[in-house]
């Protein structure tokens, strides 16, 4: 998989998990959903993605 595919998969997973937690546990989890969405939005304009940096470090350690 390419880095972009990993980022999209992780973002989608975070959103689905936080929506589920918000529904069953506490509506405060929706703030995490908003955070992920805002991060995706800003990365479209700036090209900066914290998850990309984290994944690059993980991949370097795994090699």
N, C-alpha and C. Protein backbone atom coordinates (compact mmCIF):
# COMPACT_ATOMS: atom_id res chain seq x y z
N UNK A 1 0.84 -1.19 0.00
CA UNK A 1 0.00 0.00 0.00
C UNK A 1 0.88 1.24 0.00
N UNK A 2 0.35 2.29 -0.57
CA UNK A 2 1.05 3.57 -0.58
C UNK A 2 0.72 4.32 0.70
N UNK A 3 1.57 5.31 1.03
CA UNK A 3 1.39 6.10 2.25
C UNK A 3 0.01 6.76 2.27
N UNK A 4 -0.43 7.29 1.14
CA UNK A 4 -1.73 7.96 1.08
C UNK A 4 -2.87 6.99 1.41
N UNK A 5 -2.75 5.76 0.98
CA UNK A 5 -3.78 4.77 1.27
C UNK A 5 -3.81 4.43 2.75
N UNK A 6 -2.63 4.33 3.38
CA UNK A 6 -2.58 4.09 4.82
C UNK A 6 -3.26 5.23 5.58
N UNK A 7 -2.96 6.45 5.18
CA UNK A 7 -3.52 7.62 5.87
C UNK A 7 -5.04 7.65 5.72
N UNK A 8 -5.53 7.39 4.54
CA UNK A 8 -6.99 7.37 4.34
C UNK A 8 -7.66 6.27 5.15
N UNK A 9 -7.04 5.09 5.19
CA UNK A 9 -7.60 3.98 5.95
C UNK A 9 -7.62 4.29 7.44
N UNK A 10 -6.54 4.86 7.95
CA UNK A 10 -6.48 5.19 9.38
C UNK A 10 -7.48 6.29 9.71
N UNK A 11 -7.57 7.32 8.87
CA UNK A 11 -8.53 8.41 9.12
C UNK A 11 -9.96 7.87 9.11
N UNK A 12 -10.27 7.02 8.16
CA UNK A 12 -11.61 6.42 8.12
C UNK A 12 -11.91 5.58 9.34
N UNK A 13 -10.91 4.81 9.77
CA UNK A 13 -11.08 3.99 10.97
C UNK A 13 -11.29 4.86 12.20
N UNK A 14 -10.48 5.92 12.34
CA UNK A 14 -10.63 6.83 13.49
C UNK A 14 -12.02 7.45 13.51
N UNK A 15 -12.51 7.85 12.36
CA UNK A 15 -13.83 8.48 12.30
C UNK A 15 -14.92 7.48 12.67
N UNK A 16 -14.86 6.29 12.13
CA UNK A 16 -15.88 5.29 12.45
C UNK A 16 -15.85 4.89 13.92
N UNK A 17 -14.67 4.71 14.47
CA UNK A 17 -14.54 4.34 15.88
C UNK A 17 -15.05 5.47 16.78
N UNK A 18 -14.68 6.71 16.48
CA UNK A 18 -15.12 7.81 17.33
C UNK A 18 -16.62 8.05 17.22
N UNK A 19 -17.20 7.84 16.03
CA UNK A 19 -18.65 7.95 15.91
C UNK A 19 -19.36 6.88 16.74
N UNK A 20 -18.82 5.66 16.71
CA UNK A 20 -19.39 4.57 17.50
C UNK A 20 -19.28 4.87 18.99
N UNK A 21 -18.11 5.31 19.42
CA UNK A 21 -17.92 5.65 20.83
C UNK A 21 -18.81 6.82 21.25
N UNK A 22 -18.99 7.79 20.35
CA UNK A 22 -19.87 8.92 20.65
C UNK A 22 -21.31 8.49 20.80
N UNK A 23 -21.72 7.54 20.03
CA UNK A 23 -23.11 7.07 20.09
C UNK A 23 -23.36 6.24 21.35
N UNK A 24 -22.41 5.35 21.68
CA UNK A 24 -22.64 4.42 22.78
C UNK A 24 -22.13 4.91 24.13
N UNK A 25 -21.09 5.75 24.15
CA UNK A 25 -20.48 6.12 25.43
C UNK A 25 -20.71 7.58 25.81
N UNK A 26 -20.20 8.48 25.00
CA UNK A 26 -20.28 9.89 25.35
C UNK A 26 -20.21 10.73 24.08
N UNK A 27 -21.03 11.76 24.00
CA UNK A 27 -20.99 12.62 22.82
C UNK A 27 -19.68 13.41 22.69
N UNK A 28 -18.88 13.44 23.74
CA UNK A 28 -17.59 14.13 23.67
C UNK A 28 -16.65 13.47 22.66
N UNK A 29 -16.89 12.22 22.33
CA UNK A 29 -16.08 11.54 21.32
C UNK A 29 -16.24 12.17 19.94
N UNK A 30 -17.34 12.88 19.73
CA UNK A 30 -17.54 13.56 18.45
C UNK A 30 -16.50 14.66 18.25
N UNK A 31 -15.93 15.17 19.32
CA UNK A 31 -14.86 16.15 19.20
C UNK A 31 -13.63 15.54 18.52
N UNK A 32 -13.37 14.28 18.79
CA UNK A 32 -12.27 13.59 18.13
C UNK A 32 -12.56 13.45 16.64
N UNK A 33 -13.82 13.16 16.31
CA UNK A 33 -14.22 13.09 14.91
C UNK A 33 -13.97 14.42 14.22
N UNK A 34 -14.34 15.50 14.89
CA UNK A 34 -14.12 16.84 14.34
C UNK A 34 -12.63 17.12 14.17
N UNK A 35 -11.82 16.69 15.13
CA UNK A 35 -10.37 16.88 15.05
C UNK A 35 -9.79 16.17 13.82
N UNK A 36 -10.20 14.95 13.60
CA UNK A 36 -9.71 14.19 12.44
C UNK A 36 -10.14 14.89 11.15
N UNK A 37 -11.38 15.32 11.10
CA UNK A 37 -11.88 16.02 9.91
C UNK A 37 -11.15 17.32 9.65
N UNK A 38 -10.90 18.10 10.69
CA UNK A 38 -10.17 19.35 10.54
C UNK A 38 -8.73 19.09 10.09
N UNK A 39 -8.13 18.04 10.62
CA UNK A 39 -6.77 17.70 10.23
C UNK A 39 -6.71 17.32 8.75
N UNK A 40 -7.67 16.53 8.28
CA UNK A 40 -7.74 16.18 6.87
C UNK A 40 -7.93 17.42 6.00
N UNK A 41 -8.76 18.34 6.46
CA UNK A 41 -9.03 19.56 5.72
C UNK A 41 -7.78 20.43 5.60
N UNK A 42 -7.09 20.64 6.73
CA UNK A 42 -5.90 21.49 6.70
C UNK A 42 -4.78 20.84 5.90
N UNK A 43 -4.67 19.52 5.94
CA UNK A 43 -3.60 18.86 5.20
C UNK A 43 -3.80 18.97 3.69
N UNK A 44 -5.04 19.13 3.25
CA UNK A 44 -5.31 19.31 1.83
C UNK A 44 -4.72 20.61 1.31
N UNK A 45 -4.65 21.63 2.17
CA UNK A 45 -4.14 22.94 1.76
C UNK A 45 -2.66 23.14 2.09
N UNK A 46 -2.21 22.58 3.20
CA UNK A 46 -0.83 22.83 3.63
C UNK A 46 0.12 21.71 3.23
N UNK A 47 -0.40 20.51 3.03
CA UNK A 47 0.47 19.38 2.72
C UNK A 47 1.11 18.78 3.96
N UNK A 48 0.80 19.30 5.12
CA UNK A 48 1.34 18.79 6.37
C UNK A 48 0.36 17.82 7.01
N UNK A 49 0.83 16.62 7.30
CA UNK A 49 -0.03 15.61 7.90
C UNK A 49 0.73 14.92 9.02
N UNK A 50 0.32 15.14 10.27
CA UNK A 50 1.01 14.50 11.39
C UNK A 50 1.02 12.97 11.30
N UNK A 51 -0.05 12.38 10.79
CA UNK A 51 -0.10 10.92 10.68
C UNK A 51 0.95 10.42 9.70
N UNK A 52 1.23 11.17 8.67
CA UNK A 52 2.26 10.77 7.71
C UNK A 52 3.63 10.73 8.40
N UNK A 53 3.90 11.71 9.24
CA UNK A 53 5.17 11.72 9.98
C UNK A 53 5.27 10.53 10.93
N UNK A 54 4.18 10.22 11.60
CA UNK A 54 4.16 9.08 12.52
C UNK A 54 4.39 7.78 11.77
N UNK A 55 3.70 7.60 10.65
CA UNK A 55 3.85 6.38 9.87
C UNK A 55 5.26 6.23 9.30
N UNK A 56 5.86 7.34 8.85
CA UNK A 56 7.23 7.27 8.34
C UNK A 56 8.19 6.79 9.42
N UNK A 57 8.02 7.27 10.65
CA UNK A 57 8.87 6.83 11.75
C UNK A 57 8.65 5.35 12.07
N UNK A 58 7.40 4.91 12.03
CA UNK A 58 7.09 3.51 12.30
C UNK A 58 7.72 2.62 11.23
N UNK A 59 7.61 3.04 9.97
CA UNK A 59 8.16 2.24 8.87
C UNK A 59 9.68 2.16 8.95
N UNK A 60 10.31 3.25 9.39
CA UNK A 60 11.77 3.23 9.54
C UNK A 60 12.20 2.27 10.64
N UNK A 61 11.44 2.22 11.72
CA UNK A 61 11.75 1.30 12.83
C UNK A 61 11.54 -0.14 12.39
N UNK A 62 10.50 -0.38 11.60
CA UNK A 62 10.16 -1.74 11.19
C UNK A 62 11.19 -2.32 10.19
N UNK A 63 11.92 -1.47 9.53
CA UNK A 63 12.90 -1.96 8.54
C UNK A 63 14.13 -2.40 9.18
